[in-house]
Amino acid sequence: MKVTIRNHTNPDALIIDLDGDFDLYSSYKVKEDIEKLIEQGNHTILFNMEKVKYLDSTGIGVLIRVLLLLKPKNGIMRLFKVHEAPMKVLKLTMLTQMLGVYDTEETALASINKQ
């Protein structure tokens, strides 16, 4: 899994571009990277899932962990450009509402401005 971090200034957010399978083999590294970013004071995180074709329960666990770390800090997390297969997993687990899933980066960013 390749992780690329981009800064967005309005609103102030980090955009995390994920590239690869979000599974048992990649989840630990992603979790570590995101936890460090949150510890450094980044509390608005958007995940670009455009290049994630596979999501398993370990990847879901990381997403929920990030959400739980952000909640006490009044943080925000969004997912956008989720492919069909990972979206099926999110829908089956009924996590689309809780995780905040959007079609585009622009709509995900706009949702932050509405809060």
C-alpha atoms as a PDB file:
ATOM      1  CA  MET A   1       0.000   0.000   0.000  1.00  0.00           C
ATOM      2  CA  LYS A   2       1.360   3.366  -1.004  1.00  0.00           C
ATOM      3  CA  VAL A   3       0.270   6.301   1.167  1.00  0.00           C
ATOM      4  CA  THR A   4       0.595   9.869  -0.107  1.00  0.00           C
ATOM      5  CA  ILE A   5      -0.296  12.839   2.097  1.00  0.00           C
ATOM      6  CA  ARG A   6      -1.498  16.129   0.665  1.00  0.00           C
ATOM      7  CA  ASN A   7      -2.382  19.324   2.518  1.00  0.00           C
ATOM      8  CA  HIS A   8      -5.522  21.224   1.665  1.00  0.00           C
ATOM      9  CA  THR A   9      -5.753  24.737   3.033  1.00  0.00           C
ATOM     10  CA  ASN A  10      -9.415  25.683   2.745  1.00  0.00           C
ATOM     11  CA  PRO A  11     -10.672  23.930   4.758  1.00  0.00           C
ATOM     12  CA  ASP A  12      -7.536  22.935   6.622  1.00  0.00           C
ATOM     13  CA  ALA A  13      -7.403  19.193   5.963  1.00  0.00           C
ATOM     14  CA  LEU A  14      -5.063  16.354   5.156  1.00  0.00           C
ATOM     15  CA  ILE A  15      -5.922  14.270   2.136  1.00  0.00           C
ATOM     16  CA  ILE A  16      -4.541  10.750   2.304  1.00  0.00           C
ATOM     17  CA  ASP A  17      -4.246   9.092  -1.105  1.00  0.00           C
ATOM     18  CA  LEU A  18      -4.254   5.318  -0.679  1.00  0.00           C
ATOM     19  CA  ASP A  19      -2.973   3.099  -3.483  1.00  0.00           C
ATOM     20  CA  GLY A  20      -3.257  -0.676  -3.128  1.00  0.00           C
ATOM     21  CA  ASP A  21      -5.166  -3.280  -1.177  1.00  0.00           C
ATOM     22  CA  PHE A  22      -6.303  -2.141   2.281  1.00  0.00           C
ATOM     23  CA  ASP A  23      -5.897  -5.459   4.032  1.00  0.00           C
ATOM     24  CA  LEU A  24      -4.089  -7.371   6.760  1.00  0.00           C
ATOM     25  CA  TYR A  25      -0.713  -6.815   5.101  1.00  0.00           C
ATOM     26  CA  SER A  26      -0.985  -3.046   4.647  1.00  0.00           C
ATOM     27  CA  SER A  27      -3.251  -1.926   7.466  1.00  0.00           C
ATOM     28  CA  TYR A  28      -0.646  -1.799  10.229  1.00  0.00           C
ATOM     29  CA  LYS A  29       1.553   0.687   8.347  1.00  0.00           C
ATOM     30  CA  VAL A  30      -1.425   2.862   7.382  1.00  0.00           C
ATOM     31  CA  LYS A  31      -2.634   2.848  11.007  1.00  0.00           C
ATOM     32  CA  GLU A  32       0.791   3.898  12.301  1.00  0.00           C
ATOM     33  CA  ASP A  33       1.111   6.706   9.756  1.00  0.00           C
ATOM     34  CA  ILE A  34      -2.348   8.119  10.473  1.00  0.00           C
ATOM     35  CA  GLU A  35      -1.943   7.873  14.255  1.00  0.00           C
ATOM     36  CA  LYS A  36       1.254   9.950  13.995  1.00  0.00           C
ATOM     37  CA  LEU A  37      -0.549  12.574  11.924  1.00  0.00           C
ATOM     38  CA  ILE A  38      -3.336  12.821  14.499  1.00  0.00           C
ATOM     39  CA  GLU A  39      -0.798  13.091  17.340  1.00  0.00           C
ATOM     40  CA  GLN A  40       0.782  16.004  15.428  1.00  0.00           C
ATOM     41  CA  GLY A  41      -2.531  17.876  15.559  1.00  0.00           C
ATOM     42  CA  ASN A  42      -4.119  16.965  12.229  1.00  0.00           C
ATOM     43  CA  HIS A  43      -7.798  16.504  13.019  1.00  0.00           C
ATOM     44  CA  THR A  44      -9.434  16.695   9.591  1.00  0.00           C
ATOM     45  CA  ILE A  45      -8.539  13.707   7.454  1.00  0.00           C
ATOM     46  CA  LEU A  46      -9.953  12.695   4.092  1.00  0.00           C
ATOM     47  CA  PHE A  47      -9.130   9.332   2.548  1.00  0.00           C
ATOM     48  CA  ASN A  48      -8.957   9.138  -1.239  1.00  0.00           C
ATOM     49  CA  MET A  49      -9.971   5.530  -1.917  1.00  0.00           C
ATOM     50  CA  GLU A  50      -9.807   5.819  -5.715  1.00  0.00           C
ATOM     51  CA  LYS A  51      -6.950   3.305  -6.047  1.00  0.00           C
ATOM     52  CA  VAL A  52      -8.131   0.892  -3.341  1.00  0.00           C
ATOM     53  CA  LYS A  53      -9.711  -2.099  -5.049  1.00  0.00           C
ATOM     54  CA  TYR A  54      -9.861  -4.366  -2.004  1.00  0.00           C
ATOM     55  CA  LEU A  55     -10.885  -3.653   1.594  1.00  0.00           C
ATOM     56  CA  ASP A  56     -11.049  -6.295   4.296  1.00  0.00           C
ATOM     57  CA  SER A  57     -12.018  -6.271   7.961  1.00  0.00           C
ATOM     58  CA  THR A  58      -8.535  -5.160   9.005  1.00  0.00           C
ATOM     59  CA  GLY A  59      -8.782  -2.085   6.774  1.00  0.00           C
ATOM     60  CA  ILE A  60     -12.221  -1.351   8.186  1.00  0.00           C
ATOM     61  CA  GLY A  61     -10.739  -1.652  11.660  1.00  0.00           C
ATOM     62  CA  VAL A  62      -8.150   0.996  10.808  1.00  0.00           C
ATOM     63  CA  LEU A  63     -10.825   3.368   9.497  1.00  0.00           C
ATOM     64  CA  ILE A  64     -12.893   2.917  12.653  1.00  0.00           C
ATOM     65  CA  ARG A  65      -9.769   3.392  14.803  1.00  0.00           C
ATOM     66  CA  VAL A  66      -9.025   6.697  13.043  1.00  0.00           C
ATOM     67  CA  LEU A  67     -12.612   7.812  13.563  1.00  0.00           C
ATOM     68  CA  LEU A  68     -12.417   6.937  17.273  1.00  0.00           C
ATOM     69  CA  LEU A  69      -9.118   8.811  17.670  1.00  0.00           C
ATOM     70  CA  LEU A  70     -10.558  11.904  15.991  1.00  0.00           C
ATOM     71  CA  LYS A  71     -13.886  11.964  17.853  1.00  0.00           C
ATOM     72  CA  PRO A  72     -12.611  13.271  21.239  1.00  0.00           C
ATOM     73  CA  LYS A  73     -10.653  15.948  19.374  1.00  0.00           C
ATOM     74  CA  ASN A  74     -13.779  17.062  17.475  1.00  0.00           C
ATOM     75  CA  GLY A  75     -12.029  15.803  14.373  1.00  0.00           C
ATOM     76  CA  ILE A  76     -13.525  14.964  11.013  1.00  0.00           C
ATOM     77  CA  MET A  77     -12.943  12.002   8.742  1.00  0.00           C
ATOM     78  CA  ARG A  78     -14.279  11.448   5.236  1.00  0.00           C
ATOM     79  CA  LEU A  79     -13.809   8.871   2.492  1.00  0.00           C
ATOM     80  CA  PHE A  80     -14.212   9.669  -1.174  1.00  0.00           C
ATOM     81  CA  LYS A  81     -13.995   7.949  -4.562  1.00  0.00           C
ATOM     82  CA  VAL A  82     -14.670   4.519  -3.062  1.00  0.00           C
ATOM     83  CA  HIS A  83     -14.615   1.718  -5.661  1.00  0.00           C
ATOM     84  CA  GLU A  84     -17.472  -0.721  -6.045  1.00  0.00           C
ATOM     85  CA  ALA A  85     -15.936  -3.685  -4.177  1.00  0.00           C
ATOM     86  CA  PRO A  86     -14.855  -1.696  -1.075  1.00  0.00           C
ATOM     87  CA  MET A  87     -18.210   0.130  -1.153  1.00  0.00           C
ATOM     88  CA  LYS A  88     -20.019  -3.216  -0.979  1.00  0.00           C
ATOM     89  CA  VAL A  89     -18.043  -4.058   2.154  1.00  0.00           C
ATOM     90  CA  LEU A  90     -18.860  -0.677   3.716  1.00  0.00           C
ATOM     91  CA  LYS A  91     -22.551  -1.076   2.889  1.00  0.00           C
ATOM     92  CA  LEU A  92     -22.691  -4.647   4.216  1.00  0.00           C
ATOM     93  CA  THR A  93     -21.183  -3.487   7.493  1.00  0.00           C
ATOM     94  CA  MET A  94     -23.491  -0.432   7.507  1.00  0.00           C
ATOM     95  CA  LEU A  95     -20.555   1.952   7.901  1.00  0.00           C
ATOM     96  CA  THR A  96     -21.173   4.353   5.016  1.00  0.00           C
ATOM     97  CA  GLN A  97     -23.011   6.895   7.194  1.00  0.00           C
ATOM     98  CA  MET A  98     -20.683   6.608  10.166  1.00  0.00           C
ATOM     99  CA  LEU A  99     -17.527   6.966   8.060  1.00  0.00           C
ATOM    100  CA  GLY A 100     -18.858   9.700   5.767  1.00  0.00           C
ATOM    101  CA  VAL A 101     -18.520   8.462   2.189  1.00  0.00           C
ATOM    102  CA  TYR A 102     -18.575  10.949  -0.723  1.00  0.00           C
ATOM    103  CA  ASP A 103     -18.303  10.655  -4.490  1.00  0.00           C
ATOM    104  CA  THR A 104     -15.628  13.302  -5.035  1.00  0.00           C
ATOM    105  CA  GLU A 105     -12.907  15.167  -3.195  1.00  0.00           C
ATOM    106  CA  GLU A 106     -14.844  18.395  -3.715  1.00  0.00           C
ATOM    107  CA  THR A 107     -18.041  17.080  -2.102  1.00  0.00           C
ATOM    108  CA  ALA A 108     -16.070  15.628   0.808  1.00  0.00           C
ATOM    109  CA  LEU A 109     -14.358  19.002   1.359  1.00  0.00           C
ATOM    110  CA  ALA A 110     -17.668  20.853   1.021  1.00  0.00           C
ATOM    111  CA  SER A 111     -19.187  18.634   3.724  1.00  0.00           C
ATOM    112  CA  ILE A 112     -16.499  19.825   6.129  1.00  0.00           C
ATOM    113  CA  ASN A 113     -17.376  23.460   5.517  1.00  0.00           C
ATOM    114  CA  LYS A 114     -21.001  22.716   6.420  1.00  0.00           C
ATOM    115  CA  GLN A 115     -20.101  21.578   9.944  1.00  0.00           C
END
